[in-house]
Amino acid sequence: MITITETKLSKNPNTKTTYIRDAQKTEEITKREYNLICGDDTLKWFRRLGGSESAQRSYTCAGYVITKLTSTSPDRQNKTIREFKFN
């Protein structure tokens, strides 16, 4: 199983570059769900919409895979950070 921690952030109205944490949740997902979230086609699709997708990879027990995925909305007002832990 894979543990995903999803943090939702919104832009701080008083500054240009900082975000305020709105919500955070943790859940268990399967390998199939992980592949749907982190697939190359999925990342390219969100980039074509105008958003920003940044994937950070590192070595885990499952190999060299994406461990942190940062998504920014096209209007740059919302950001979602997904962190994966492999068990």
N, C-alpha and C. Protein backbone atom coordinates (compact mmCIF):
# COMPACT_ATOMS: atom_id res chain seq x y z
N MET A 1 0.84 -1.19 0.00
CA MET A 1 0.00 0.00 0.00
C MET A 1 0.88 1.26 0.00
N ILE A 2 0.29 2.31 -0.47
CA ILE A 2 0.97 3.60 -0.57
C ILE A 2 0.18 4.61 0.26
N THR A 3 0.87 5.37 1.09
CA THR A 3 0.23 6.41 1.89
C THR A 3 0.43 7.75 1.19
N ILE A 4 -0.68 8.45 0.97
CA ILE A 4 -0.62 9.76 0.33
C ILE A 4 -1.06 10.83 1.34
N THR A 5 -0.26 11.87 1.44
CA THR A 5 -0.61 13.03 2.26
C THR A 5 -0.84 14.19 1.31
N GLU A 6 -2.07 14.69 1.29
CA GLU A 6 -2.44 15.76 0.37
C GLU A 6 -2.68 17.04 1.15
N THR A 7 -1.93 18.09 0.81
CA THR A 7 -2.03 19.38 1.47
C THR A 7 -2.53 20.40 0.46
N LYS A 8 -3.61 21.08 0.80
CA LYS A 8 -4.17 22.12 -0.07
C LYS A 8 -3.79 23.48 0.49
N LEU A 9 -3.28 24.34 -0.39
CA LEU A 9 -2.83 25.68 -0.01
C LEU A 9 -3.55 26.72 -0.84
N SER A 10 -3.75 27.91 -0.26
CA SER A 10 -4.30 29.03 -1.03
C SER A 10 -3.37 30.23 -0.86
N LYS A 11 -3.38 31.10 -1.84
CA LYS A 11 -2.47 32.25 -1.88
C LYS A 11 -2.75 33.20 -0.73
N ASN A 12 -1.68 33.66 -0.09
CA ASN A 12 -1.78 34.67 0.96
C ASN A 12 -2.04 36.02 0.29
N PRO A 13 -3.16 36.70 0.62
CA PRO A 13 -3.48 37.95 -0.08
C PRO A 13 -2.51 39.09 0.25
N ASN A 14 -1.74 38.96 1.31
CA ASN A 14 -0.85 40.06 1.73
C ASN A 14 0.53 40.01 1.06
N THR A 15 0.87 38.89 0.45
CA THR A 15 2.19 38.76 -0.17
C THR A 15 2.06 38.18 -1.57
N LYS A 16 3.17 38.16 -2.31
CA LYS A 16 3.15 37.66 -3.67
C LYS A 16 3.44 36.16 -3.75
N THR A 17 4.27 35.65 -2.86
CA THR A 17 4.78 34.30 -3.06
C THR A 17 4.42 33.29 -1.98
N THR A 18 3.76 33.67 -0.91
CA THR A 18 3.49 32.71 0.16
C THR A 18 2.07 32.17 0.08
N TYR A 19 1.90 30.99 0.65
CA TYR A 19 0.61 30.31 0.65
C TYR A 19 0.20 29.98 2.08
N ILE A 20 -1.11 29.85 2.31
CA ILE A 20 -1.67 29.50 3.61
C ILE A 20 -2.27 28.10 3.48
N ARG A 21 -1.97 27.22 4.45
CA ARG A 21 -2.50 25.86 4.41
C ARG A 21 -3.98 25.86 4.76
N ASP A 22 -4.80 25.29 3.89
CA ASP A 22 -6.24 25.20 4.10
C ASP A 22 -6.63 23.86 4.72
N ALA A 23 -6.14 22.78 4.14
CA ALA A 23 -6.54 21.45 4.61
C ALA A 23 -5.42 20.46 4.34
N GLN A 24 -5.42 19.39 5.14
CA GLN A 24 -4.47 18.32 4.94
C GLN A 24 -5.15 17.00 5.28
N LYS A 25 -4.97 16.01 4.41
CA LYS A 25 -5.56 14.71 4.67
C LYS A 25 -4.59 13.61 4.26
N THR A 26 -4.72 12.47 4.92
CA THR A 26 -3.87 11.33 4.67
C THR A 26 -4.75 10.12 4.41
N GLU A 27 -4.39 9.34 3.39
CA GLU A 27 -5.16 8.13 3.09
C GLU A 27 -4.27 7.10 2.42
N GLU A 28 -4.77 5.87 2.35
CA GLU A 28 -4.08 4.77 1.69
C GLU A 28 -4.62 4.63 0.27
N ILE A 29 -3.71 4.44 -0.69
CA ILE A 29 -4.12 4.23 -2.07
C ILE A 29 -3.42 2.98 -2.60
N THR A 30 -3.92 2.47 -3.71
CA THR A 30 -3.33 1.30 -4.34
C THR A 30 -2.30 1.73 -5.38
N LYS A 31 -1.56 0.77 -5.87
CA LYS A 31 -0.56 1.04 -6.90
C LYS A 31 -1.23 1.56 -8.18
N ARG A 32 -2.42 1.05 -8.50
CA ARG A 32 -3.15 1.50 -9.69
C ARG A 32 -3.53 2.98 -9.57
N GLU A 33 -4.03 3.38 -8.40
CA GLU A 33 -4.39 4.79 -8.19
C GLU A 33 -3.16 5.68 -8.26
N TYR A 34 -2.04 5.20 -7.71
CA TYR A 34 -0.77 5.96 -7.79
C TYR A 34 -0.37 6.17 -9.24
N ASN A 35 -0.48 5.12 -10.06
CA ASN A 35 -0.12 5.23 -11.47
C ASN A 35 -1.03 6.21 -12.22
N LEU A 36 -2.31 6.27 -11.84
CA LEU A 36 -3.22 7.22 -12.47
C LEU A 36 -2.88 8.66 -12.07
N ILE A 37 -2.48 8.88 -10.83
CA ILE A 37 -2.14 10.23 -10.34
C ILE A 37 -0.82 10.71 -10.95
N CYS A 38 0.15 9.83 -11.01
CA CYS A 38 1.52 10.23 -11.40
C CYS A 38 1.90 9.85 -12.82
N GLY A 39 0.96 9.41 -13.61
CA GLY A 39 1.27 9.02 -14.98
C GLY A 39 1.74 10.20 -15.82
N ASP A 40 2.57 9.92 -16.81
CA ASP A 40 3.09 10.98 -17.69
C ASP A 40 1.96 11.68 -18.43
N ASP A 41 0.96 10.90 -18.88
CA ASP A 41 -0.16 11.50 -19.61
C ASP A 41 -0.95 12.45 -18.72
N THR A 42 -1.12 12.08 -17.45
CA THR A 42 -1.86 12.93 -16.50
C THR A 42 -1.12 14.25 -16.28
N LEU A 43 0.18 14.17 -16.05
CA LEU A 43 0.98 15.38 -15.82
C LEU A 43 0.97 16.29 -17.04
N LYS A 44 1.10 15.71 -18.22
CA LYS A 44 1.09 16.51 -19.45
C LYS A 44 -0.27 17.16 -19.68
N TRP A 45 -1.36 16.44 -19.34
CA TRP A 45 -2.71 16.97 -19.51
C TRP A 45 -2.92 18.20 -18.64
N PHE A 46 -2.49 18.15 -17.37
CA PHE A 46 -2.66 19.30 -16.49
C PHE A 46 -1.78 20.47 -16.93
N ARG A 47 -0.62 20.18 -17.46
CA ARG A 47 0.25 21.26 -17.97
C ARG A 47 -0.39 21.95 -19.17
N ARG A 48 -1.05 21.18 -20.02
CA ARG A 48 -1.72 21.76 -21.19
C ARG A 48 -2.89 22.66 -20.78
N LEU A 49 -3.51 22.37 -19.64
CA LEU A 49 -4.60 23.22 -19.15
C LEU A 49 -4.10 24.58 -18.67
N GLY A 50 -2.80 24.69 -18.43
CA GLY A 50 -2.24 25.95 -18.00
C GLY A 50 -1.70 25.90 -16.59
N GLY A 51 -1.92 24.81 -15.89
CA GLY A 51 -1.41 24.67 -14.54
C GLY A 51 0.06 24.26 -14.54
N SER A 52 0.61 24.21 -13.37
CA SER A 52 2.01 23.82 -13.23
C SER A 52 2.08 22.51 -12.46
N GLU A 53 2.81 21.55 -12.99
CA GLU A 53 2.99 20.26 -12.35
C GLU A 53 4.48 20.04 -12.14
N SER A 54 4.88 19.84 -10.90
CA SER A 54 6.28 19.60 -10.59
C SER A 54 6.38 18.27 -9.85
N ALA A 55 7.16 17.34 -10.39
CA ALA A 55 7.31 16.02 -9.79
C ALA A 55 8.73 15.85 -9.26
N GLN A 56 8.82 15.44 -8.01
CA GLN A 56 10.12 15.19 -7.39
C GLN A 56 10.27 13.69 -7.20
N ARG A 57 11.35 13.13 -7.70
CA ARG A 57 11.58 11.68 -7.61
C ARG A 57 12.70 11.39 -6.61
N SER A 58 12.60 10.22 -6.01
CA SER A 58 13.68 9.76 -5.13
C SER A 58 13.64 8.24 -5.06
N TYR A 59 14.68 7.67 -4.49
CA TYR A 59 14.78 6.22 -4.37
C TYR A 59 13.97 5.74 -3.18
N THR A 60 13.13 4.73 -3.40
CA THR A 60 12.32 4.12 -2.35
C THR A 60 12.42 2.61 -2.48
N CYS A 61 11.68 1.90 -1.63
CA CYS A 61 11.65 0.43 -1.74
C CYS A 61 10.97 -0.02 -3.02
N ALA A 62 10.20 0.86 -3.66
CA ALA A 62 9.53 0.55 -4.92
C ALA A 62 10.37 0.97 -6.12
N GLY A 63 11.54 1.53 -5.91
CA GLY A 63 12.40 1.98 -6.99
C GLY A 63 12.50 3.49 -7.04
N TYR A 64 12.94 4.01 -8.18
CA TYR A 64 13.10 5.45 -8.38
C TYR A 64 11.77 5.99 -8.89
N VAL A 65 10.94 6.50 -7.98
CA VAL A 65 9.58 6.91 -8.33
C VAL A 65 9.28 8.31 -7.79
N ILE A 66 8.15 8.85 -8.20
CA ILE A 66 7.72 10.17 -7.74
C ILE A 66 7.30 10.07 -6.28
N THR A 67 7.90 10.90 -5.44
CA THR A 67 7.55 10.90 -4.01
C THR A 67 6.86 12.19 -3.60
N LYS A 68 6.95 13.24 -4.42
CA LYS A 68 6.29 14.51 -4.12
C LYS A 68 5.82 15.13 -5.43
N LEU A 69 4.53 15.48 -5.46
CA LEU A 69 3.92 16.06 -6.65
C LEU A 69 3.28 17.38 -6.26
N THR A 70 3.74 18.48 -6.86
CA THR A 70 3.22 19.80 -6.56
C THR A 70 2.44 20.31 -7.77
N SER A 71 1.17 20.63 -7.54
CA SER A 71 0.29 21.11 -8.61
C SER A 71 -0.17 22.52 -8.28
N THR A 72 -0.04 23.43 -9.24
CA THR A 72 -0.49 24.81 -9.07
C THR A 72 -1.57 25.10 -10.10
N SER A 73 -2.64 25.76 -9.68
CA SER A 73 -3.75 26.07 -10.58
C SER A 73 -3.31 27.09 -11.63
N PRO A 74 -4.03 27.17 -12.76
CA PRO A 74 -3.65 28.12 -13.82
C PRO A 74 -3.66 29.58 -13.36
N ASP A 75 -4.52 29.94 -12.41
CA ASP A 75 -4.55 31.33 -11.95
C ASP A 75 -3.56 31.58 -10.80
N ARG A 76 -2.81 30.57 -10.43
CA ARG A 76 -1.76 30.65 -9.39
C ARG A 76 -2.31 30.99 -8.00
N GLN A 77 -3.59 30.76 -7.77
CA GLN A 77 -4.20 31.07 -6.47
C GLN A 77 -4.24 29.86 -5.54
N ASN A 78 -4.21 28.65 -6.09
CA ASN A 78 -4.29 27.43 -5.29
C ASN A 78 -3.14 26.50 -5.64
N LYS A 79 -2.69 25.77 -4.62
CA LYS A 79 -1.61 24.82 -4.81
C LYS A 79 -1.94 23.56 -4.02
N THR A 80 -1.63 22.41 -4.60
CA THR A 80 -1.83 21.13 -3.93
C THR A 80 -0.51 20.38 -3.93
N ILE A 81 -0.12 19.91 -2.75
CA ILE A 81 1.11 19.14 -2.61
C ILE A 81 0.72 17.73 -2.19
N ARG A 82 1.15 16.75 -3.00
CA ARG A 82 0.89 15.34 -2.68
C ARG A 82 2.22 14.67 -2.38
N GLU A 83 2.32 14.06 -1.20
CA GLU A 83 3.54 13.35 -0.81
C GLU A 83 3.20 11.87 -0.64
N PHE A 84 4.04 11.02 -1.25
CA PHE A 84 3.79 9.58 -1.24
C PHE A 84 4.82 8.88 -0.38
N LYS A 85 4.35 7.94 0.44
CA LYS A 85 5.23 7.08 1.24
C LYS A 85 4.89 5.64 0.93
N PHE A 86 5.91 4.88 0.58
CA PHE A 86 5.72 3.49 0.18
C PHE A 86 5.98 2.57 1.36
N ASN A 87 5.05 1.64 1.61
CA ASN A 87 5.18 0.71 2.73
C ASN A 87 5.64 -0.65 2.26
